[in-house]
C-alpha atoms as a PDB file:
ATOM      1  CA  UNK A   1       0.000   0.000   0.000  1.00  0.00           C
ATOM      2  CA  UNK A   2       1.159   3.363  -0.881  1.00  0.00           C
ATOM      3  CA  UNK A   3       1.123   6.165   1.439  1.00  0.00           C
ATOM      4  CA  UNK A   4      -0.369   9.379   0.242  1.00  0.00           C
ATOM      5  CA  UNK A   5       0.923  12.690   1.253  1.00  0.00           C
ATOM      6  CA  UNK A   6      -1.544  14.734   3.236  1.00  0.00           C
ATOM      7  CA  UNK A   7      -0.005  18.092   2.446  1.00  0.00           C
ATOM      8  CA  UNK A   8      -1.571  20.232  -0.211  1.00  0.00           C
ATOM      9  CA  UNK A   9       0.611  22.621  -2.051  1.00  0.00           C
ATOM     10  CA  UNK A  10      -0.723  25.937  -3.312  1.00  0.00           C
ATOM     11  CA  UNK A  11       0.930  27.547  -6.177  1.00  0.00           C
ATOM     12  CA  UNK A  12       1.488  31.209  -5.526  1.00  0.00           C
ATOM     13  CA  UNK A  13       1.503  33.614  -8.396  1.00  0.00           C
ATOM     14  CA  UNK A  14       4.109  36.209  -7.452  1.00  0.00           C
ATOM     15  CA  UNK A  15       4.016  38.013 -10.796  1.00  0.00           C
ATOM     16  CA  UNK A  16       0.295  38.739 -10.667  1.00  0.00           C
ATOM     17  CA  UNK A  17       0.480  39.971  -7.038  1.00  0.00           C
ATOM     18  CA  UNK A  18       3.491  42.200  -7.784  1.00  0.00           C
ATOM     19  CA  UNK A  19       1.625  43.796 -10.694  1.00  0.00           C
ATOM     20  CA  UNK A  20      -1.376  44.676  -8.566  1.00  0.00           C
ATOM     21  CA  UNK A  21       0.844  46.237  -5.869  1.00  0.00           C
ATOM     22  CA  UNK A  22       2.583  48.349  -8.515  1.00  0.00           C
ATOM     23  CA  UNK A  23      -0.809  49.558  -9.779  1.00  0.00           C
ATOM     24  CA  UNK A  24      -1.966  50.448  -6.239  1.00  0.00           C
ATOM     25  CA  UNK A  25       1.227  52.403  -5.561  1.00  0.00           C
ATOM     26  CA  UNK A  26       0.947  54.242  -8.892  1.00  0.00           C
ATOM     27  CA  UNK A  27      -2.668  55.253  -8.237  1.00  0.00           C
ATOM     28  CA  UNK A  28      -1.789  56.381  -4.695  1.00  0.00           C
ATOM     29  CA  UNK A  29       1.128  58.467  -5.974  1.00  0.00           C
ATOM     30  CA  UNK A  30      -1.126  60.071  -8.615  1.00  0.00           C
ATOM     31  CA  UNK A  31      -3.791  60.967  -6.029  1.00  0.00           C
ATOM     32  CA  UNK A  32      -1.118  62.387  -3.708  1.00  0.00           C
ATOM     33  CA  UNK A  33       0.362  64.489  -6.540  1.00  0.00           C
ATOM     34  CA  UNK A  34      -3.063  65.987  -7.306  1.00  0.00           C
ATOM     35  CA  UNK A  35      -3.616  66.785  -3.624  1.00  0.00           C
ATOM     36  CA  UNK A  36      -0.206  68.476  -3.316  1.00  0.00           C
ATOM     37  CA  UNK A  37      -0.776  70.515  -6.488  1.00  0.00           C
ATOM     38  CA  UNK A  38      -4.184  71.660  -5.232  1.00  0.00           C
ATOM     39  CA  UNK A  39      -2.777  72.596  -1.837  1.00  0.00           C
ATOM     40  CA  UNK A  40       0.065  74.604  -3.345  1.00  0.00           C
ATOM     41  CA  UNK A  41      -2.386  76.481  -5.599  1.00  0.00           C
ATOM     42  CA  UNK A  42      -4.569  77.255  -2.565  1.00  0.00           C
ATOM     43  CA  UNK A  43      -1.575  78.574  -0.602  1.00  0.00           C
ATOM     44  CA  UNK A  44      -0.436  80.717  -3.538  1.00  0.00           C
ATOM     45  CA  UNK A  45      -3.897  82.273  -3.845  1.00  0.00           C
ATOM     46  CA  UNK A  46      -4.046  82.899  -0.097  1.00  0.00           C
ATOM     47  CA  UNK A  47      -0.654  84.648  -0.119  1.00  0.00           C
ATOM     48  CA  UNK A  48      -1.605  86.817  -3.109  1.00  0.00           C
ATOM     49  CA  UNK A  49      -4.872  87.766  -1.433  1.00  0.00           C
ATOM     50  CA  UNK A  50      -3.060  88.649   1.783  1.00  0.00           C
ATOM     51  CA  UNK A  51      -0.562  90.824  -0.094  1.00  0.00           C
ATOM     52  CA  UNK A  52      -3.360  92.638  -1.928  1.00  0.00           C
ATOM     53  CA  UNK A  53      -5.224  93.251   1.340  1.00  0.00           C
ATOM     54  CA  UNK A  54      -2.080  94.661   2.960  1.00  0.00           C
ATOM     55  CA  UNK A  55      -1.538  96.974  -0.021  1.00  0.00           C
ATOM     56  CA  UNK A  56      -5.124  98.275   0.139  1.00  0.00           C
ATOM     57  CA  UNK A  57      -4.884  98.831   3.899  1.00  0.00           C
ATOM     58  CA  UNK A  58      -1.620 100.714   3.539  1.00  0.00           C
ATOM     59  CA  UNK A  59      -3.079 102.863   0.746  1.00  0.00           C
ATOM     60  CA  UNK A  60      -6.119 103.692   2.888  1.00  0.00           C
ATOM     61  CA  UNK A  61      -3.891 104.800   5.775  1.00  0.00           C
ATOM     62  CA  UNK A  62      -1.767 106.967   3.480  1.00  0.00           C
ATOM     63  CA  UNK A  63      -4.919 108.435   1.929  1.00  0.00           C
ATOM     64  CA  UNK A  64      -6.249 109.347   5.396  1.00  0.00           C
ATOM     65  CA  UNK A  65      -2.900 110.906   6.271  1.00  0.00           C
ATOM     66  CA  UNK A  66      -2.853 113.036   3.125  1.00  0.00           C
ATOM     67  CA  UNK A  67      -6.471 114.147   3.706  1.00  0.00           C
ATOM     68  CA  UNK A  68      -5.537 115.213   7.264  1.00  0.00           C
ATOM     69  CA  UNK A  69      -2.625 117.277   5.910  1.00  0.00           C
ATOM     70  CA  UNK A  70      -4.879 118.924   3.321  1.00  0.00           C
ATOM     71  CA  UNK A  71      -7.521 119.775   5.921  1.00  0.00           C
ATOM     72  CA  UNK A  72      -4.868 121.180   8.275  1.00  0.00           C
ATOM     73  CA  UNK A  73      -3.823 123.668   5.584  1.00  0.00           C
ATOM     74  CA  UNK A  74      -7.340 125.182   5.718  1.00  0.00           C
ATOM     75  CA  UNK A  75      -7.091 126.410   2.162  1.00  0.00           C
ATOM     76  CA  UNK A  76     -10.301 126.830   0.211  1.00  0.00           C
ATOM     77  CA  UNK A  77      -8.524 127.663  -3.049  1.00  0.00           C
ATOM     78  CA  UNK A  78      -9.235 125.293  -5.921  1.00  0.00           C
ATOM     79  CA  UNK A  79      -6.011 123.344  -6.474  1.00  0.00           C
ATOM     80  CA  UNK A  80      -4.713 120.121  -7.927  1.00  0.00           C
ATOM     81  CA  UNK A  81      -1.435 118.695  -6.633  1.00  0.00           C
ATOM     82  CA  UNK A  82       0.552 115.509  -7.099  1.00  0.00           C
ATOM     83  CA  UNK A  83       3.433 114.068  -5.159  1.00  0.00           C
ATOM     84  CA  UNK A  84       5.240 111.075  -3.708  1.00  0.00           C
ATOM     85  CA  UNK A  85       4.999 109.986  -0.085  1.00  0.00           C
ATOM     86  CA  UNK A  86       8.237 110.699   1.771  1.00  0.00           C
ATOM     87  CA  UNK A  87       8.079 107.489   3.800  1.00  0.00           C
ATOM     88  CA  UNK A  88       7.158 105.265   0.856  1.00  0.00           C
ATOM     89  CA  UNK A  89       8.701 106.331  -2.450  1.00  0.00           C
ATOM     90  CA  UNK A  90       6.874 103.662  -4.454  1.00  0.00           C
ATOM     91  CA  UNK A  91       3.523 105.265  -3.560  1.00  0.00           C
ATOM     92  CA  UNK A  92       2.272 108.496  -5.116  1.00  0.00           C
ATOM     93  CA  UNK A  93      -0.751 110.678  -4.493  1.00  0.00           C
ATOM     94  CA  UNK A  94      -2.961 113.158  -6.294  1.00  0.00           C
ATOM     95  CA  UNK A  95      -4.963 115.731  -4.359  1.00  0.00           C
ATOM     96  CA  UNK A  96      -7.782 117.915  -5.700  1.00  0.00           C
ATOM     97  CA  UNK A  97      -9.353 120.706  -3.637  1.00  0.00           C
ATOM     98  CA  UNK A  98     -12.507 122.178  -5.125  1.00  0.00           C
ATOM     99  CA  UNK A  99     -15.704 123.909  -4.129  1.00  0.00           C
ATOM    100  CA  UNK A 100     -18.293 121.692  -2.517  1.00  0.00           C
ATOM    101  CA  UNK A 101     -22.032 121.377  -2.972  1.00  0.00           C
ATOM    102  CA  UNK A 102     -22.637 124.592  -0.970  1.00  0.00           C
ATOM    103  CA  UNK A 103     -20.786 127.891  -0.900  1.00  0.00           C
ATOM    104  CA  UNK A 104     -19.715 127.293   2.702  1.00  0.00           C
ATOM    105  CA  UNK A 105     -18.325 123.817   2.014  1.00  0.00           C
ATOM    106  CA  UNK A 106     -15.211 122.673   0.187  1.00  0.00           C
ATOM    107  CA  UNK A 107     -14.296 119.209  -1.058  1.00  0.00           C
ATOM    108  CA  UNK A 108     -10.885 117.552  -0.981  1.00  0.00           C
ATOM    109  CA  UNK A 109     -10.265 114.310  -2.875  1.00  0.00           C
ATOM    110  CA  UNK A 110      -7.099 112.236  -2.535  1.00  0.00           C
ATOM    111  CA  UNK A 111      -6.141 109.369  -4.835  1.00  0.00           C
ATOM    112  CA  UNK A 112      -3.289 107.015  -3.909  1.00  0.00           C
ATOM    113  CA  UNK A 113      -1.441 105.015  -6.582  1.00  0.00           C
ATOM    114  CA  UNK A 114       1.112 102.209  -6.266  1.00  0.00           C
ATOM    115  CA  UNK A 115       4.251 102.676  -8.376  1.00  0.00           C
ATOM    116  CA  UNK A 116       3.295 103.603 -11.944  1.00  0.00           C
ATOM    117  CA  UNK A 117      -0.240 102.229 -11.834  1.00  0.00           C
ATOM    118  CA  UNK A 118      -2.954 104.114 -13.692  1.00  0.00           C
ATOM    119  CA  UNK A 119      -5.768 102.919 -11.433  1.00  0.00           C
ATOM    120  CA  UNK A 120      -5.805 104.263  -7.852  1.00  0.00           C
ATOM    121  CA  UNK A 121      -5.490 101.744  -5.038  1.00  0.00           C
ATOM    122  CA  UNK A 122      -7.499 104.033  -2.764  1.00  0.00           C
ATOM    123  CA  UNK A 123      -9.653 107.118  -3.235  1.00  0.00           C
ATOM    124  CA  UNK A 124     -11.061 109.256  -0.435  1.00  0.00           C
ATOM    125  CA  UNK A 125     -13.190 112.414  -0.488  1.00  0.00           C
ATOM    126  CA  UNK A 126     -13.957 114.676   2.468  1.00  0.00           C
ATOM    127  CA  UNK A 127     -16.059 117.801   2.803  1.00  0.00           C
ATOM    128  CA  UNK A 128     -14.787 120.650   4.968  1.00  0.00           C
ATOM    129  CA  UNK A 129     -16.210 123.982   6.118  1.00  0.00           C
ATOM    130  CA  UNK A 130     -14.862 127.085   4.448  1.00  0.00           C
ATOM    131  CA  UNK A 131     -14.075 129.790   6.978  1.00  0.00           C
ATOM    132  CA  UNK A 132     -15.698 133.046   5.963  1.00  0.00           C
ATOM    133  CA  UNK A 133     -14.233 136.355   7.001  1.00  0.00           C
ATOM    134  CA  UNK A 134     -16.777 138.280   9.019  1.00  0.00           C
ATOM    135  CA  UNK A 135     -17.576 141.779   7.833  1.00  0.00           C
ATOM    136  CA  UNK A 136     -17.558 144.624  10.355  1.00  0.00           C
ATOM    137  CA  UNK A 137     -21.349 144.664  10.619  1.00  0.00           C
ATOM    138  CA  UNK A 138     -21.498 140.893  11.242  1.00  0.00           C
ATOM    139  CA  UNK A 139     -18.776 141.047  13.869  1.00  0.00           C
ATOM    140  CA  UNK A 140     -20.746 143.569  15.883  1.00  0.00           C
ATOM    141  CA  UNK A 141     -18.433 146.502  15.156  1.00  0.00           C
ATOM    142  CA  UNK A 142     -20.439 149.523  14.049  1.00  0.00           C
ATOM    143  CA  UNK A 143     -19.016 151.743  11.343  1.00  0.00           C
END
């Protein structure tokens, strides 16, 4: 009588298994590359937006500063001036003083530009009272 072997041998297929692992790794690497590209685009947009916001904020502060200087001069003469900010040479301004909607009111408008840009980064307009010289009869001094 012959003795039969009770062990069963399974044939493994290493080539087929290695191919499926390579495919899984390739797909995972592709998905990771897309995620990294999307994240870098998001970060770039966020940085550009932050820079633009900082530029607008700085322009608004410089515009306010220039308006304050114009109002401190207390001039009601119609003028148009241009210049460069002393503290920031890459920023320039344009100021227009003109008569306002009423004879006792003037209007000052300041535009702030970055470098050689044609479009202003910030524009601000303020109304101010025009000081009238009192005549002798209005001041209570009789003639």
